[in-house]
Every structure is written in C-alpha cells, then in structure tokens.
Amino acid sequence: MANEVKTEIEIDAPVSRVWALLQDIEHYKSWNRIFNFTHANLKPGGRGILWARVGPAVTPLPVRFDVVEPECELRWHGGLQKLGYGSHYLRLEALPDDRTLLTHGEEFSGLLFNASWKLLGKQLPGAYKAFNKALVRELA
C-alpha cells in the first residue's frame, strides 16, 4: 500500500531558472529549512545524504538519485522497501508567459509509513508546501 503527498505551485519564472535552483542541491540549506543535501552526486544512480526536518529534529537519510532530467524532473529514493521507503519527486512543466508548474511530492510505502499515515498524511503536505514557497521566494 502506497501513500502519497502531492503539491503543485505555479511559479513566475521560466523552467530554466527553476531547474537551475533545483539542481544546485548543495545550496538548498541557504534558502530552505525543510531539507538539504550533503555529499550529493547528482546523476542517475548517484548517492547523497538528505537532511530532512522531522518535527523538531533534523535526520540524515541516505538516498539514491533515480531521475535527473534537466528542466523536467529530479527524483530520489531512500529507505527500506518493506519497512519505510520514500520516492521523492520534483517535476517541472513549462507554462505560457515564461511560468513554470512545479509538481512536488513523494510516494511512501512500508510498515512504518502505513502504521503512521493518519498523522503523517496530515503533517507532511505543509512541509512540502513550505519548501515550494521558499523556492518561490528564492527565485523572486
């Protein structure tokens, strides 16, 4: 059973500018407090350490990049498939007038997520929306 958080936001910037900021993952910490990376090898199959804010704690999570498609999609995954697994994505779509639609979400599976989804399913969308808003502020 998979659970998903999915958010969308329209950004008043062209896809190229949004992608430039998203692919510069080592600088996420300078503009958002939701998550950032250290030791990231941004290529398909590359590994990194994602630091995610979970309540008051910041937790390191090893991840592997699945999709690094310029100006289209950035996707990574981490965790243990049966225990707790997430596949995080940031998808870009060009809109008229040099605007961009960002679809930002994550698909969760495993015993830990299934058992706690009633709580997490309510809390996580706010974190993803906060990241989206921080991205928009950084592009302004």
Protein backbone atom coordinates (compact mmCIF):
# COMPACT_ATOMS: atom_id res chain seq x y z
CA MET A 1 0.00 0.00 0.00
CA ALA A 2 1.49 3.35 -1.03
CA ASN A 3 0.69 6.74 0.45
CA GLU A 4 1.47 9.97 -1.36
CA VAL A 5 1.94 13.65 -0.72
CA LYS A 6 1.48 15.73 -3.87
CA THR A 7 1.63 19.51 -4.12
CA GLU A 8 1.57 21.91 -7.05
CA ILE A 9 2.53 25.54 -7.38
CA GLU A 10 2.75 27.91 -10.32
CA ILE A 11 5.98 29.89 -10.36
CA ASP A 12 6.53 33.20 -12.11
CA ALA A 13 9.86 32.12 -13.61
CA PRO A 14 10.89 30.07 -16.65
CA VAL A 15 11.66 26.37 -16.28
CA SER A 16 15.37 27.03 -16.87
CA ARG A 17 15.61 29.29 -13.79
CA VAL A 18 13.64 26.90 -11.60
CA TRP A 19 15.78 23.95 -12.73
CA ALA A 20 18.99 25.90 -12.09
CA LEU A 21 17.94 26.36 -8.46
CA LEU A 22 16.67 22.79 -8.00
CA GLN A 23 19.75 21.13 -9.44
CA ASP A 24 22.02 23.20 -7.17
CA ILE A 25 21.16 20.86 -4.30
CA GLU A 26 24.25 21.59 -2.24
CA HIS A 27 22.89 25.11 -1.69
CA TYR A 28 19.36 24.12 -0.59
CA LYS A 29 20.32 24.91 3.01
CA SER A 30 20.83 28.58 2.10
CA TRP A 31 17.17 29.11 1.16
CA ASN A 32 15.01 26.47 2.86
CA ARG A 33 14.70 24.80 6.25
CA ILE A 34 12.76 21.70 5.15
CA PHE A 35 15.55 19.57 3.68
CA ASN A 36 19.03 19.83 2.25
CA PHE A 37 21.80 17.60 0.99
CA THR A 38 25.42 16.81 1.73
CA HIS A 39 27.71 14.57 -0.27
CA ALA A 40 25.35 14.51 -3.25
CA ASN A 41 26.33 13.02 -6.61
CA LEU A 42 23.58 14.44 -8.82
CA LYS A 43 23.32 11.86 -11.60
CA PRO A 44 21.10 8.80 -12.10
CA GLY A 45 22.34 6.16 -9.66
CA GLY A 46 24.31 8.77 -7.70
CA ARG A 47 24.11 8.81 -3.93
CA GLY A 48 23.69 11.54 -1.38
CA ILE A 49 22.76 12.28 2.20
CA LEU A 50 19.45 14.10 2.63
CA TRP A 51 18.94 16.00 5.89
CA ALA A 52 15.20 16.18 6.49
CA ARG A 53 13.37 18.11 9.20
CA VAL A 54 11.05 15.75 11.05
CA GLY A 55 9.29 17.81 13.71
CA PRO A 56 12.00 19.49 15.80
CA ALA A 57 14.70 17.01 14.71
CA VAL A 58 16.85 17.01 11.58
CA THR A 59 17.54 13.46 10.41
CA PRO A 60 20.18 12.25 7.89
CA LEU A 61 18.82 9.84 5.28
CA PRO A 62 20.94 8.12 2.59
CA VAL A 63 19.32 8.48 -0.84
CA ARG A 64 19.93 7.47 -4.43
CA PHE A 65 19.00 9.66 -7.38
CA ASP A 66 16.71 7.92 -9.87
CA VAL A 67 15.93 10.68 -12.37
CA VAL A 68 17.99 13.74 -13.17
CA GLU A 69 16.36 15.05 -16.33
CA PRO A 70 17.27 18.73 -16.86
CA GLU A 71 14.31 21.11 -16.83
CA CYS A 72 11.92 18.15 -16.38
CA GLU A 73 12.33 16.04 -13.24
CA LEU A 74 14.51 15.39 -10.23
CA ARG A 75 13.71 12.21 -8.27
CA TRP A 76 15.43 10.33 -5.47
CA HIS A 77 14.55 7.46 -3.16
CA GLY A 78 15.63 6.15 0.20
CA GLY A 79 14.77 3.76 2.97
CA LEU A 80 13.98 0.07 3.15
CA GLN A 81 11.20 -1.15 0.87
CA LYS A 82 9.23 -3.17 3.43
CA LEU A 83 9.99 -1.05 6.49
CA GLY A 84 9.84 2.56 5.31
CA TYR A 85 10.57 3.76 1.79
CA GLY A 86 10.09 7.08 0.01
CA SER A 87 10.39 8.17 -3.62
CA HIS A 88 10.59 11.98 -3.73
CA TYR A 89 10.00 13.95 -6.93
CA LEU A 90 10.14 17.49 -8.27
CA ARG A 91 8.62 17.77 -11.76
CA LEU A 92 8.66 20.89 -13.92
CA GLU A 93 6.27 21.84 -16.70
CA ALA A 94 6.59 24.96 -18.84
CA LEU A 95 3.55 27.21 -18.80
CA PRO A 96 2.75 30.18 -21.06
CA ASP A 97 4.41 33.54 -20.34
CA ASP A 98 7.66 32.01 -19.01
CA ARG A 99 5.96 30.45 -15.99
CA THR A 100 6.52 27.01 -14.50
CA LEU A 101 4.28 24.44 -12.85
CA LEU A 102 6.14 22.60 -10.10
CA THR A 103 4.65 19.28 -9.00
CA HIS A 104 6.39 18.29 -5.78
CA GLY A 105 5.65 15.16 -3.87
CA GLU A 106 6.64 11.80 -2.53
CA GLU A 107 5.30 8.26 -2.62
CA PHE A 108 5.69 6.42 0.70
CA SER A 109 5.42 2.71 1.42
CA GLY A 110 6.36 0.21 4.10
CA LEU A 111 5.18 -0.75 7.55
CA LEU A 112 6.32 2.44 9.31
CA PHE A 113 4.54 4.77 6.91
CA ASN A 114 1.42 2.64 6.72
CA ALA A 115 1.14 2.49 10.52
CA SER A 116 1.60 6.24 10.99
CA TRP A 117 -0.05 7.61 7.84
CA LYS A 118 -3.08 9.10 9.62
CA LEU A 119 -0.72 11.52 11.38
CA LEU A 120 1.95 11.90 8.69
CA GLY A 121 -0.60 12.33 5.91
CA LYS A 122 -1.83 15.46 7.71
CA GLN A 123 1.59 16.89 8.63
CA LEU A 124 3.73 16.29 5.55
CA PRO A 125 1.84 18.38 2.96
CA GLY A 126 2.63 21.52 4.97
CA ALA A 127 6.37 20.79 4.81
CA TYR A 128 6.26 20.27 1.04
CA LYS A 129 4.28 23.48 0.58
CA ALA A 130 6.81 25.34 2.77
CA PHE A 131 9.63 24.11 0.51
CA ASN A 132 7.67 25.28 -2.55
CA LYS A 133 7.14 28.74 -1.05
CA ALA A 134 10.81 29.01 -0.08
CA LEU A 135 11.74 28.14 -3.67
CA VAL A 136 9.44 30.87 -5.00
CA ARG A 137 10.95 33.41 -2.56
CA GLU A 138 14.47 32.45 -3.65
CA LEU A 139 13.55 32.98 -7.30
CA ALA A 140 11.98 36.41 -6.68
